[in-house]
């Protein structure tokens, strides 16, 4: 829960689809996309100090969806996160999340040119606002360590009722002139949105 990332945005080739995300030969990237499994973060965890430094609102006790975390840099200032444990408010199941900032799944996925990342998720908000799906992008430095080189993204519109958003991101050879080796999944809303039932699939190029 202590990972911080420096993010820069670049253009992406994005294909939108009204078809289901599932594709032949696709591998799932995220687990617990319905947020039903949860963990309680200890009050001594450094996430609380990081959040306080940028006026990011967290509940105490802080209950997070298992396998997910927050990116508390950049646009996270004045943000907010809440896990909603109320089936009357979720799209399905018992839980959903509210995020004003970046919610990420901190597992790097190796990719190569021509691969596709297929995504499906539901969102709603108090008023119409943007919600974005991100791929944080990484290359390898001379020592073989991962280095952030930007992001690929697509943006959808969230409104008062639950809406399903689907799309595809085609993996390029390079991002900001550097070889793209791996990605991390994230979702973000500047004005705040409720999110539920995220599915992300990795379709490898033949």
N, C-alpha and C. Protein backbone atom coordinates (compact mmCIF):
# COMPACT_ATOMS: atom_id res chain seq x y z
N UNK A 1 0.81 -1.21 0.00
CA UNK A 1 0.00 0.00 0.00
C UNK A 1 0.85 1.26 0.00
N UNK A 2 2.19 1.12 -0.11
CA UNK A 2 3.07 2.26 0.06
C UNK A 2 3.70 2.69 -1.25
N UNK A 3 3.26 2.13 -2.34
CA UNK A 3 3.88 2.40 -3.62
C UNK A 3 3.41 3.74 -4.18
N UNK A 4 4.36 4.58 -4.63
CA UNK A 4 4.03 5.84 -5.28
C UNK A 4 4.61 5.81 -6.68
N UNK A 5 3.91 6.39 -7.65
CA UNK A 5 4.33 6.36 -9.03
C UNK A 5 4.27 7.75 -9.62
N UNK A 6 5.23 8.07 -10.48
CA UNK A 6 5.22 9.33 -11.20
C UNK A 6 4.62 9.09 -12.57
N UNK A 7 3.55 9.83 -12.90
CA UNK A 7 2.77 9.54 -14.09
C UNK A 7 2.84 10.70 -15.08
N UNK A 8 3.02 10.38 -16.37
CA UNK A 8 2.93 11.37 -17.44
C UNK A 8 2.00 10.81 -18.50
N UNK A 9 1.20 11.66 -19.13
CA UNK A 9 0.20 11.18 -20.10
C UNK A 9 0.69 11.37 -21.52
N UNK A 10 0.40 10.40 -22.37
CA UNK A 10 0.69 10.50 -23.80
C UNK A 10 -0.52 9.99 -24.55
N UNK A 11 -0.52 10.18 -25.86
CA UNK A 11 -1.65 9.72 -26.67
C UNK A 11 -1.63 8.22 -26.81
N UNK A 12 -2.79 7.64 -27.01
CA UNK A 12 -2.90 6.19 -27.19
C UNK A 12 -3.83 5.90 -28.36
N UNK A 13 -3.62 4.74 -29.00
CA UNK A 13 -4.56 4.25 -29.99
C UNK A 13 -5.63 3.49 -29.23
N UNK A 14 -6.84 4.01 -29.23
CA UNK A 14 -7.91 3.43 -28.44
C UNK A 14 -9.06 3.05 -29.35
N UNK A 15 -9.57 1.84 -29.18
CA UNK A 15 -10.70 1.35 -29.95
C UNK A 15 -11.84 1.09 -29.00
N UNK A 16 -13.00 1.73 -29.21
CA UNK A 16 -14.16 1.50 -28.36
C UNK A 16 -15.02 0.41 -28.95
N UNK A 17 -15.71 -0.32 -28.08
CA UNK A 17 -16.52 -1.46 -28.51
C UNK A 17 -17.77 -1.56 -27.68
N UNK A 18 -18.87 -1.98 -28.29
CA UNK A 18 -20.10 -2.25 -27.54
C UNK A 18 -20.25 -3.75 -27.32
N UNK A 19 -19.24 -4.53 -27.71
CA UNK A 19 -19.28 -5.96 -27.54
C UNK A 19 -18.69 -6.34 -26.19
N UNK A 20 -18.99 -7.54 -25.68
CA UNK A 20 -18.38 -7.98 -24.43
C UNK A 20 -16.87 -8.00 -24.54
N UNK A 21 -16.19 -7.81 -23.40
CA UNK A 21 -14.75 -7.72 -23.41
C UNK A 21 -14.08 -9.06 -23.71
N UNK A 22 -14.66 -10.15 -23.31
CA UNK A 22 -14.02 -11.46 -23.45
C UNK A 22 -13.58 -11.71 -24.88
N UNK A 23 -12.32 -12.15 -25.05
CA UNK A 23 -11.76 -12.41 -26.37
C UNK A 23 -11.07 -13.77 -26.35
N UNK A 24 -11.00 -14.40 -27.52
CA UNK A 24 -10.36 -15.70 -27.63
C UNK A 24 -8.90 -15.58 -27.24
N UNK A 25 -8.44 -16.46 -26.34
CA UNK A 25 -7.04 -16.45 -25.95
C UNK A 25 -6.69 -15.36 -24.97
N UNK A 26 -7.65 -14.62 -24.45
CA UNK A 26 -7.38 -13.52 -23.53
C UNK A 26 -7.09 -14.04 -22.13
N UNK A 27 -6.20 -13.34 -21.41
CA UNK A 27 -5.85 -13.69 -20.04
C UNK A 27 -6.29 -12.56 -19.12
N UNK A 28 -6.96 -12.86 -18.01
CA UNK A 28 -7.37 -11.80 -17.09
C UNK A 28 -6.17 -11.17 -16.40
N UNK A 29 -6.24 -9.84 -16.22
CA UNK A 29 -5.16 -9.11 -15.54
C UNK A 29 -5.49 -8.87 -14.08
N UNK A 30 -6.73 -8.48 -13.79
CA UNK A 30 -7.07 -8.10 -12.42
C UNK A 30 -7.89 -9.18 -11.71
N UNK A 31 -7.72 -9.24 -10.42
CA UNK A 31 -8.55 -10.06 -9.54
C UNK A 31 -9.35 -9.12 -8.65
N UNK A 32 -10.45 -9.63 -8.11
CA UNK A 32 -11.28 -8.84 -7.20
C UNK A 32 -11.78 -7.56 -7.86
N UNK A 33 -12.16 -7.66 -9.12
CA UNK A 33 -12.68 -6.49 -9.83
C UNK A 33 -14.07 -6.07 -9.38
N UNK A 34 -14.71 -6.92 -8.56
CA UNK A 34 -16.01 -6.56 -8.00
C UNK A 34 -15.88 -6.00 -6.58
N UNK A 35 -14.65 -5.96 -6.06
CA UNK A 35 -14.32 -5.36 -4.76
C UNK A 35 -14.98 -6.07 -3.57
N UNK A 36 -15.36 -7.32 -3.75
CA UNK A 36 -16.04 -8.05 -2.68
C UNK A 36 -15.07 -8.51 -1.59
N UNK A 37 -13.80 -8.77 -1.96
CA UNK A 37 -12.80 -9.13 -0.96
C UNK A 37 -12.14 -7.85 -0.46
N UNK A 38 -12.02 -7.71 0.86
CA UNK A 38 -11.51 -6.46 1.43
C UNK A 38 -10.41 -6.72 2.46
N UNK A 39 -9.63 -5.67 2.72
CA UNK A 39 -8.61 -5.69 3.78
C UNK A 39 -8.71 -4.37 4.54
N UNK A 40 -8.43 -4.42 5.84
CA UNK A 40 -8.40 -3.21 6.66
C UNK A 40 -6.95 -2.78 6.84
N UNK A 41 -6.66 -1.51 6.53
CA UNK A 41 -5.30 -0.99 6.58
C UNK A 41 -5.00 -0.51 7.99
N UNK A 42 -3.87 -0.94 8.59
CA UNK A 42 -3.51 -0.50 9.94
C UNK A 42 -3.38 1.02 10.01
N UNK A 43 -3.79 1.60 11.13
CA UNK A 43 -3.78 3.05 11.28
C UNK A 43 -2.37 3.63 11.24
N UNK A 44 -1.35 2.81 11.50
CA UNK A 44 0.04 3.28 11.47
C UNK A 44 0.63 3.23 10.06
N UNK A 45 -0.13 2.73 9.10
CA UNK A 45 0.38 2.64 7.73
C UNK A 45 0.70 4.03 7.19
N UNK A 46 1.76 4.13 6.41
CA UNK A 46 2.22 5.42 5.89
C UNK A 46 1.24 6.05 4.90
N UNK A 47 0.25 5.27 4.41
CA UNK A 47 -0.70 5.83 3.46
C UNK A 47 -1.47 7.00 4.06
N UNK A 48 -1.67 6.98 5.38
CA UNK A 48 -2.43 8.05 6.03
C UNK A 48 -1.64 9.36 6.02
N UNK A 49 -0.33 9.28 6.25
CA UNK A 49 0.50 10.47 6.21
C UNK A 49 0.60 11.02 4.79
N UNK A 50 0.77 10.13 3.83
CA UNK A 50 0.84 10.55 2.43
C UNK A 50 -0.46 11.25 2.03
N UNK A 51 -1.59 10.68 2.44
CA UNK A 51 -2.89 11.26 2.10
C UNK A 51 -3.07 12.62 2.76
N UNK A 52 -2.66 12.73 4.03
CA UNK A 52 -2.79 14.00 4.75
C UNK A 52 -1.97 15.10 4.09
N UNK A 53 -0.81 14.75 3.56
CA UNK A 53 0.08 15.74 2.94
C UNK A 53 -0.53 16.38 1.69
N UNK A 54 -1.46 15.67 1.05
CA UNK A 54 -2.06 16.21 -0.19
C UNK A 54 -3.57 16.41 -0.04
N UNK A 55 -4.03 16.41 1.21
CA UNK A 55 -5.45 16.65 1.50
C UNK A 55 -6.34 15.62 0.79
N UNK A 56 -5.91 14.38 0.82
CA UNK A 56 -6.66 13.28 0.23
C UNK A 56 -7.48 12.62 1.34
N UNK A 57 -8.80 12.56 1.18
CA UNK A 57 -9.68 12.07 2.24
C UNK A 57 -9.74 10.54 2.27
N UNK A 58 -9.48 10.00 3.46
CA UNK A 58 -9.60 8.56 3.69
C UNK A 58 -10.45 8.32 4.93
N UNK A 59 -11.18 7.23 4.93
CA UNK A 59 -11.96 6.87 6.10
C UNK A 59 -11.10 6.14 7.12
N UNK A 60 -11.48 6.21 8.39
CA UNK A 60 -10.83 5.46 9.46
C UNK A 60 -11.89 4.67 10.21
N UNK A 61 -11.79 3.34 10.28
CA UNK A 61 -10.72 2.54 9.67
C UNK A 61 -10.81 2.54 8.15
N UNK A 62 -9.67 2.40 7.51
CA UNK A 62 -9.61 2.37 6.06
C UNK A 62 -9.76 0.93 5.57
N UNK A 63 -10.85 0.68 4.87
CA UNK A 63 -11.08 -0.64 4.27
C UNK A 63 -10.87 -0.51 2.77
N UNK A 64 -9.96 -1.31 2.25
CA UNK A 64 -9.63 -1.28 0.82
C UNK A 64 -10.04 -2.59 0.17
N UNK A 65 -10.37 -2.55 -1.13
CA UNK A 65 -10.56 -3.81 -1.86
C UNK A 65 -9.23 -4.55 -1.94
N UNK A 66 -9.22 -5.83 -1.59
CA UNK A 66 -7.99 -6.61 -1.66
C UNK A 66 -7.39 -6.55 -3.06
N UNK A 67 -6.07 -6.47 -3.12
CA UNK A 67 -5.28 -6.44 -4.36
C UNK A 67 -5.24 -5.07 -5.02
N UNK A 68 -5.99 -4.10 -4.52
CA UNK A 68 -6.00 -2.75 -5.09
C UNK A 68 -5.35 -1.76 -4.13
N UNK A 69 -4.87 -0.63 -4.67
CA UNK A 69 -4.27 0.41 -3.86
C UNK A 69 -4.51 1.77 -4.49
N UNK A 70 -3.97 2.82 -3.88
CA UNK A 70 -4.15 4.18 -4.36
C UNK A 70 -2.82 4.75 -4.82
N UNK A 71 -2.86 5.56 -5.87
CA UNK A 71 -1.68 6.28 -6.33
C UNK A 71 -1.79 7.70 -5.80
N UNK A 72 -1.04 8.02 -4.76
CA UNK A 72 -1.20 9.30 -4.07
C UNK A 72 -0.17 10.34 -4.52
N UNK A 73 -0.08 10.56 -5.82
CA UNK A 73 0.79 11.61 -6.36
C UNK A 73 0.01 12.35 -7.45
N UNK A 74 0.54 13.48 -7.86
CA UNK A 74 -0.02 14.23 -9.00
C UNK A 74 -1.45 14.64 -8.78
N UNK A 75 -2.35 14.12 -9.62
CA UNK A 75 -3.74 14.53 -9.60
C UNK A 75 -4.50 14.01 -8.38
N UNK A 76 -3.82 13.29 -7.49
CA UNK A 76 -4.47 12.78 -6.28
C UNK A 76 -4.72 13.90 -5.26
N UNK A 77 -4.13 15.07 -5.43
CA UNK A 77 -4.32 16.16 -4.47
C UNK A 77 -5.80 16.51 -4.34
N UNK A 78 -6.25 16.68 -3.08
CA UNK A 78 -7.65 16.99 -2.77
C UNK A 78 -8.60 15.88 -3.23
N UNK A 79 -8.10 14.66 -3.27
CA UNK A 79 -8.91 13.52 -3.71
C UNK A 79 -9.65 12.87 -2.55
N UNK A 80 -10.27 11.73 -2.86
CA UNK A 80 -11.04 11.00 -1.86
C UNK A 80 -11.23 9.56 -2.30
N UNK A 81 -11.21 8.66 -1.32
CA UNK A 81 -11.53 7.26 -1.59
C UNK A 81 -12.45 6.73 -0.50
N UNK A 82 -13.47 5.95 -0.92
CA UNK A 82 -14.35 5.26 0.01
C UNK A 82 -14.74 3.90 -0.57
N UNK A 83 -14.73 2.88 0.27
CA UNK A 83 -15.31 1.60 -0.11
C UNK A 83 -16.75 1.60 0.37
N UNK A 84 -17.68 1.41 -0.55
CA UNK A 84 -19.10 1.43 -0.24
C UNK A 84 -19.57 -0.01 -0.03
N UNK A 85 -19.90 -0.37 1.20
CA UNK A 85 -20.35 -1.73 1.51
C UNK A 85 -21.87 -1.72 1.70
N UNK A 86 -22.57 -1.56 0.60
CA UNK A 86 -24.03 -1.42 0.61
C UNK A 86 -24.55 -1.89 -0.75
N UNK A 87 -25.20 -3.04 -0.76
CA UNK A 87 -25.64 -3.61 -2.05
C UNK A 87 -26.68 -2.75 -2.75
N UNK A 88 -27.35 -1.85 -2.02
CA UNK A 88 -28.31 -0.96 -2.66
C UNK A 88 -27.62 0.12 -3.49
N UNK A 89 -26.31 0.33 -3.26
CA UNK A 89 -25.56 1.34 -3.99
C UNK A 89 -24.63 0.74 -5.04
N UNK A 90 -24.34 -0.54 -4.94
CA UNK A 90 -23.41 -1.16 -5.88
C UNK A 90 -24.13 -1.56 -7.18
N UNK A 91 -23.34 -1.80 -8.22
CA UNK A 91 -23.93 -2.24 -9.49
C UNK A 91 -24.40 -3.68 -9.38
N UNK A 92 -23.64 -4.49 -8.65
CA UNK A 92 -24.04 -5.85 -8.30
C UNK A 92 -23.21 -6.26 -7.09
N UNK A 93 -23.60 -7.32 -6.42
CA UNK A 93 -22.88 -7.71 -5.22
C UNK A 93 -23.12 -6.74 -4.08
N UNK A 94 -22.21 -6.73 -3.11
CA UNK A 94 -22.37 -5.89 -1.92
C UNK A 94 -21.54 -4.62 -1.95
N UNK A 95 -20.45 -4.61 -2.72
CA UNK A 95 -19.49 -3.51 -2.63
C UNK A 95 -19.29 -2.78 -3.96
N UNK A 96 -18.94 -1.51 -3.85
CA UNK A 96 -18.40 -0.73 -4.95
C UNK A 96 -17.43 0.28 -4.32
N UNK A 97 -16.75 1.09 -5.12
CA UNK A 97 -15.85 2.09 -4.57
C UNK A 97 -16.20 3.47 -5.12
N UNK A 98 -15.87 4.50 -4.33
CA UNK A 98 -15.92 5.88 -4.80
C UNK A 98 -14.48 6.38 -4.86
N UNK A 99 -14.10 6.94 -6.00
CA UNK A 99 -12.74 7.43 -6.16
C UNK A 99 -12.72 8.81 -6.79
N UNK A 100 -12.00 9.73 -6.18
CA UNK A 100 -11.61 11.00 -6.79
C UNK A 100 -10.09 11.03 -6.71
N UNK A 101 -9.47 10.57 -7.76
CA UNK A 101 -8.03 10.34 -7.77
C UNK A 101 -7.74 9.10 -8.59
N UNK A 102 -6.68 8.37 -8.25
CA UNK A 102 -6.26 7.19 -9.00
C UNK A 102 -6.36 5.94 -8.14
N UNK A 103 -7.15 4.97 -8.60
CA UNK A 103 -7.22 3.63 -8.01
C UNK A 103 -6.47 2.69 -8.93
N UNK A 104 -5.50 1.96 -8.39
CA UNK A 104 -4.70 1.13 -9.29
C UNK A 104 -4.56 -0.30 -8.79
N UNK A 105 -4.26 -1.18 -9.75
CA UNK A 105 -4.00 -2.58 -9.49
C UNK A 105 -2.50 -2.78 -9.69
N UNK A 106 -1.72 -2.78 -8.60
CA UNK A 106 -0.26 -2.61 -8.70
C UNK A 106 0.51 -3.87 -9.08
N UNK A 107 0.14 -4.47 -10.20
CA UNK A 107 0.86 -5.63 -10.72
C UNK A 107 1.29 -5.33 -12.14
N UNK A 108 2.59 -5.36 -12.38
CA UNK A 108 3.10 -5.09 -13.73
C UNK A 108 2.84 -6.29 -14.64
N UNK A 109 2.32 -6.00 -15.82
CA UNK A 109 2.01 -7.02 -16.82
C UNK A 109 2.93 -6.82 -18.02
N UNK A 110 3.71 -7.84 -18.37
CA UNK A 110 4.59 -7.75 -19.53
C UNK A 110 3.76 -7.69 -20.81
N UNK A 111 4.12 -6.78 -21.70
CA UNK A 111 3.41 -6.62 -22.96
C UNK A 111 4.41 -6.47 -24.10
N UNK A 112 3.89 -6.64 -25.33
CA UNK A 112 4.72 -6.40 -26.51
C UNK A 112 3.85 -5.74 -27.57
N UNK A 113 4.50 -5.18 -28.57
CA UNK A 113 3.79 -4.47 -29.64
C UNK A 113 2.74 -5.38 -30.28
N UNK A 114 1.54 -4.83 -30.46
CA UNK A 114 0.46 -5.57 -31.08
C UNK A 114 -0.49 -6.23 -30.10
N UNK A 115 -0.08 -6.36 -28.84
CA UNK A 115 -1.00 -6.87 -27.82
C UNK A 115 -2.17 -5.89 -27.66
N UNK A 116 -3.28 -6.38 -27.11
CA UNK A 116 -4.41 -5.52 -26.78
C UNK A 116 -4.80 -5.70 -25.33
N UNK A 117 -5.18 -4.62 -24.70
CA UNK A 117 -5.75 -4.66 -23.37
C UNK A 117 -7.23 -4.31 -23.51
N UNK A 118 -8.09 -5.28 -23.19
CA UNK A 118 -9.54 -5.09 -23.28
C UNK A 118 -10.09 -4.81 -21.89
N UNK A 119 -10.93 -3.81 -21.76
CA UNK A 119 -11.42 -3.41 -20.45
C UNK A 119 -12.94 -3.24 -20.46
N UNK A 120 -13.54 -3.59 -19.34
CA UNK A 120 -14.96 -3.36 -19.12
C UNK A 120 -15.15 -2.97 -17.66
N UNK A 121 -15.94 -1.92 -17.40
CA UNK A 121 -16.25 -1.55 -16.02
C UNK A 121 -17.53 -0.73 -16.00
N UNK A 122 -18.13 -0.63 -14.82
CA UNK A 122 -19.33 0.18 -14.61
C UNK A 122 -18.98 1.40 -13.78
N UNK A 123 -19.68 2.52 -14.05
CA UNK A 123 -19.49 3.72 -13.24
C UNK A 123 -20.79 4.50 -13.13
N UNK A 124 -20.85 5.31 -12.10
CA UNK A 124 -21.93 6.30 -11.95
C UNK A 124 -21.37 7.47 -11.13
N UNK A 125 -22.05 8.61 -11.18
CA UNK A 125 -21.59 9.79 -10.45
C UNK A 125 -22.77 10.71 -10.17
N UNK A 126 -22.58 11.69 -9.31
CA UNK A 126 -23.65 12.62 -8.96
C UNK A 126 -24.06 13.48 -10.15
N UNK A 127 -23.10 13.78 -11.02
CA UNK A 127 -23.36 14.53 -12.24
C UNK A 127 -22.42 14.02 -13.32
N UNK A 128 -22.73 14.35 -14.57
CA UNK A 128 -21.92 13.83 -15.68
C UNK A 128 -20.47 14.29 -15.53
N UNK A 129 -19.55 13.36 -15.60
CA UNK A 129 -18.14 13.67 -15.45
C UNK A 129 -17.30 12.64 -16.18
N UNK A 130 -16.04 12.98 -16.41
CA UNK A 130 -15.12 12.06 -17.09
C UNK A 130 -14.63 10.99 -16.12
N UNK A 131 -14.44 9.80 -16.63
CA UNK A 131 -13.75 8.74 -15.90
C UNK A 131 -12.80 8.07 -16.88
N UNK A 132 -11.58 7.82 -16.46
CA UNK A 132 -10.55 7.35 -17.38
C UNK A 132 -9.94 6.03 -16.93
N UNK A 133 -9.67 5.18 -17.91
CA UNK A 133 -8.92 3.94 -17.70
C UNK A 133 -7.49 4.22 -18.14
N UNK A 134 -6.53 3.88 -17.27
CA UNK A 134 -5.12 4.14 -17.54
C UNK A 134 -4.33 2.84 -17.63
N UNK A 135 -3.31 2.85 -18.46
CA UNK A 135 -2.22 1.91 -18.39
C UNK A 135 -0.96 2.71 -18.08
N UNK A 136 -0.44 2.59 -16.86
CA UNK A 136 0.86 3.18 -16.56
C UNK A 136 1.90 2.36 -17.31
N UNK A 137 2.80 3.03 -18.01
CA UNK A 137 3.73 2.35 -18.92
C UNK A 137 5.16 2.36 -18.39
N UNK A 138 5.86 1.24 -18.59
CA UNK A 138 7.21 1.08 -18.06
C UNK A 138 8.16 0.51 -19.11
N UNK A 139 9.38 1.03 -19.09
CA UNK A 139 10.48 0.44 -19.84
C UNK A 139 11.46 -0.14 -18.84
N UNK A 140 12.60 -0.63 -19.29
CA UNK A 140 13.65 -1.12 -18.40
C UNK A 140 14.88 -0.25 -18.58
N UNK A 141 15.47 0.17 -17.44
CA UNK A 141 16.68 0.96 -17.53
C UNK A 141 17.89 0.04 -17.74
N UNK A 142 19.08 0.62 -17.72
CA UNK A 142 20.29 -0.17 -18.00
C UNK A 142 20.52 -1.27 -16.98
N UNK A 143 19.99 -1.08 -15.79
CA UNK A 143 20.14 -2.09 -14.73
C UNK A 143 19.01 -3.13 -14.77
N UNK A 144 18.07 -2.97 -15.71
CA UNK A 144 16.97 -3.90 -15.83
C UNK A 144 15.78 -3.59 -14.95
N UNK A 145 15.84 -2.46 -14.24
CA UNK A 145 14.73 -2.07 -13.37
C UNK A 145 13.65 -1.34 -14.16
N UNK A 146 12.40 -1.46 -13.74
CA UNK A 146 11.29 -0.80 -14.42
C UNK A 146 11.35 0.71 -14.20
N UNK A 147 11.05 1.46 -15.26
CA UNK A 147 11.05 2.93 -15.19
C UNK A 147 9.81 3.45 -15.90
N UNK A 148 9.05 4.30 -15.20
CA UNK A 148 7.83 4.85 -15.79
C UNK A 148 8.14 5.78 -16.96
N UNK A 149 7.41 5.61 -18.08
CA UNK A 149 7.64 6.44 -19.27
C UNK A 149 6.37 7.11 -19.76
N UNK A 150 5.31 7.07 -18.95
CA UNK A 150 4.07 7.73 -19.37
C UNK A 150 2.87 6.83 -19.17
N UNK A 151 1.82 7.08 -19.94
CA UNK A 151 0.61 6.27 -19.80
C UNK A 151 -0.17 6.25 -21.10
N UNK A 152 -0.98 5.20 -21.26
CA UNK A 152 -1.95 5.09 -22.33
C UNK A 152 -3.33 5.13 -21.68
N UNK A 153 -4.29 5.76 -22.32
CA UNK A 153 -5.57 5.96 -21.64
C UNK A 153 -6.73 6.09 -22.61
N UNK A 154 -7.94 5.79 -22.13
CA UNK A 154 -9.14 6.24 -22.79
C UNK A 154 -10.10 6.79 -21.74
N UNK A 155 -10.96 7.70 -22.16
CA UNK A 155 -11.86 8.40 -21.24
C UNK A 155 -13.31 8.18 -21.66
N UNK A 156 -14.16 7.90 -20.67
CA UNK A 156 -15.59 7.72 -20.88
C UNK A 156 -16.34 8.73 -20.01
N UNK A 157 -17.66 8.76 -20.15
CA UNK A 157 -18.50 9.67 -19.39
C UNK A 157 -19.30 8.89 -18.34
N UNK A 158 -19.22 9.37 -17.10
CA UNK A 158 -19.99 8.79 -16.01
C UNK A 158 -21.19 9.69 -15.74
N UNK A 159 -22.35 9.07 -15.39
CA UNK A 159 -23.57 9.84 -15.14
C UNK A 159 -24.29 9.27 -13.92
N UNK A 160 -25.52 9.74 -13.66
CA UNK A 160 -26.21 9.40 -12.41
C UNK A 160 -26.57 7.92 -12.28
N UNK A 161 -26.82 7.25 -13.40
CA UNK A 161 -27.14 5.82 -13.37
C UNK A 161 -25.91 4.99 -13.73
N UNK A 162 -25.88 3.76 -13.25
CA UNK A 162 -24.79 2.88 -13.61
C UNK A 162 -24.72 2.70 -15.12
N UNK A 163 -23.52 2.89 -15.67
CA UNK A 163 -23.29 2.72 -17.10
C UNK A 163 -22.10 1.80 -17.31
N UNK A 164 -22.20 0.93 -18.31
CA UNK A 164 -21.09 0.04 -18.64
C UNK A 164 -20.22 0.68 -19.71
N UNK A 165 -18.90 0.65 -19.50
CA UNK A 165 -17.94 1.20 -20.46
C UNK A 165 -17.02 0.06 -20.91
N UNK A 166 -16.80 -0.05 -22.21
CA UNK A 166 -15.88 -1.05 -22.73
C UNK A 166 -14.95 -0.40 -23.73
N UNK A 167 -13.75 -0.94 -23.85
CA UNK A 167 -12.80 -0.40 -24.82
C UNK A 167 -11.57 -1.27 -24.94
N UNK A 168 -10.72 -0.92 -25.89
CA UNK A 168 -9.48 -1.64 -26.14
C UNK A 168 -8.34 -0.64 -26.28
N UNK A 169 -7.19 -1.00 -25.77
CA UNK A 169 -5.98 -0.22 -26.00
C UNK A 169 -4.97 -1.11 -26.71
N UNK A 170 -4.54 -0.68 -27.88
CA UNK A 170 -3.54 -1.41 -28.65
C UNK A 170 -2.15 -1.02 -28.14
N UNK A 171 -1.34 -1.99 -27.85
CA UNK A 171 -0.01 -1.73 -27.29
C UNK A 171 0.97 -1.34 -28.41
N UNK A 172 1.56 -0.15 -28.31
CA UNK A 172 2.56 0.28 -29.31
C UNK A 172 3.94 -0.26 -28.95
N UNK A 173 4.88 -0.11 -29.86
CA UNK A 173 6.25 -0.54 -29.59
C UNK A 173 6.92 0.37 -28.58
N UNK A 174 6.60 1.69 -28.66
CA UNK A 174 7.26 2.67 -27.81
C UNK A 174 6.26 3.64 -27.22
N UNK A 175 6.62 4.22 -26.10
CA UNK A 175 5.89 5.33 -25.48
C UNK A 175 6.90 6.41 -25.14
N UNK A 176 6.64 7.62 -25.55
CA UNK A 176 7.57 8.76 -25.40
C UNK A 176 8.97 8.40 -25.91
N UNK A 177 9.03 7.63 -27.01
CA UNK A 177 10.30 7.30 -27.64
C UNK A 177 11.09 6.21 -26.96
N UNK A 178 10.48 5.52 -25.97
CA UNK A 178 11.18 4.46 -25.25
C UNK A 178 10.40 3.16 -25.36
N UNK A 179 11.12 2.04 -25.43
CA UNK A 179 10.50 0.72 -25.59
C UNK A 179 9.55 0.44 -24.44
N UNK A 180 8.36 -0.01 -24.76
CA UNK A 180 7.36 -0.35 -23.76
C UNK A 180 7.47 -1.83 -23.40
N UNK A 181 7.74 -2.11 -22.11
CA UNK A 181 7.91 -3.48 -21.65
C UNK A 181 6.77 -4.00 -20.78
N UNK A 182 6.16 -3.11 -19.99
CA UNK A 182 5.12 -3.58 -19.07
C UNK A 182 4.17 -2.44 -18.73
N UNK A 183 3.00 -2.82 -18.18
CA UNK A 183 1.97 -1.83 -17.83
C UNK A 183 1.35 -2.18 -16.48
N UNK A 184 0.75 -1.17 -15.85
CA UNK A 184 -0.05 -1.33 -14.64
C UNK A 184 -1.41 -0.68 -14.90
N UNK A 185 -2.47 -1.33 -14.45
CA UNK A 185 -3.85 -0.87 -14.66
C UNK A 185 -4.26 0.12 -13.58
N UNK A 186 -4.99 1.18 -13.97
CA UNK A 186 -5.55 2.14 -13.01
C UNK A 186 -6.81 2.76 -13.59
N UNK A 187 -7.66 3.27 -12.71
CA UNK A 187 -8.82 4.06 -13.11
C UNK A 187 -8.80 5.36 -12.32
N UNK A 188 -9.28 6.44 -12.95
CA UNK A 188 -9.23 7.73 -12.28
C UNK A 188 -10.44 8.58 -12.65
N UNK A 189 -10.86 9.38 -11.68
CA UNK A 189 -11.92 10.36 -11.89
C UNK A 189 -11.53 11.63 -11.16
N UNK A 190 -11.46 12.75 -11.86
CA UNK A 190 -11.07 14.02 -11.25
C UNK A 190 -12.16 14.56 -10.33
N UNK A 191 -13.41 14.38 -10.72
CA UNK A 191 -14.52 14.95 -9.96
C UNK A 191 -15.21 13.95 -9.05
N UNK A 192 -14.85 12.68 -9.17
CA UNK A 192 -15.40 11.65 -8.31
C UNK A 192 -16.44 10.79 -8.99
N UNK A 193 -16.23 9.47 -8.98
CA UNK A 193 -17.17 8.52 -9.57
C UNK A 193 -17.19 7.25 -8.73
N UNK A 194 -18.34 6.56 -8.78
CA UNK A 194 -18.46 5.23 -8.21
C UNK A 194 -18.10 4.23 -9.30
N UNK A 195 -17.38 3.17 -8.92
CA UNK A 195 -16.90 2.18 -9.89
C UNK A 195 -17.21 0.79 -9.36
N UNK A 196 -17.53 -0.11 -10.28
CA UNK A 196 -17.81 -1.50 -9.89
C UNK A 196 -17.52 -2.42 -11.07
N UNK A 197 -17.27 -3.68 -10.75
CA UNK A 197 -17.16 -4.77 -11.74
C UNK A 197 -16.20 -4.47 -12.89
N UNK A 198 -14.94 -4.35 -12.54
CA UNK A 198 -13.89 -4.11 -13.54
C UNK A 198 -13.36 -5.44 -14.06
N UNK A 199 -13.32 -5.58 -15.37
CA UNK A 199 -12.68 -6.73 -16.01
C UNK A 199 -11.63 -6.20 -16.98
N UNK A 200 -10.42 -6.73 -16.90
CA UNK A 200 -9.34 -6.32 -17.80
C UNK A 200 -8.68 -7.58 -18.33
N UNK A 201 -8.61 -7.69 -19.65
CA UNK A 201 -8.07 -8.87 -20.31
C UNK A 201 -6.87 -8.49 -21.17
N UNK A 202 -5.87 -9.36 -21.16
CA UNK A 202 -4.67 -9.19 -21.98
C UNK A 202 -4.76 -10.14 -23.17
N UNK A 203 -4.90 -9.57 -24.36
CA UNK A 203 -4.97 -10.36 -25.59
C UNK A 203 -3.61 -10.25 -26.28
N UNK A 204 -2.87 -11.34 -26.29
CA UNK A 204 -1.52 -11.31 -26.83
C UNK A 204 -1.53 -11.40 -28.36
N UNK A 205 -0.62 -10.64 -28.98
CA UNK A 205 -0.48 -10.68 -30.43
C UNK A 205 0.00 -12.05 -30.86
N UNK A 206 -0.49 -12.51 -31.99
CA UNK A 206 -0.08 -13.84 -32.48
C UNK A 206 1.33 -13.81 -33.04
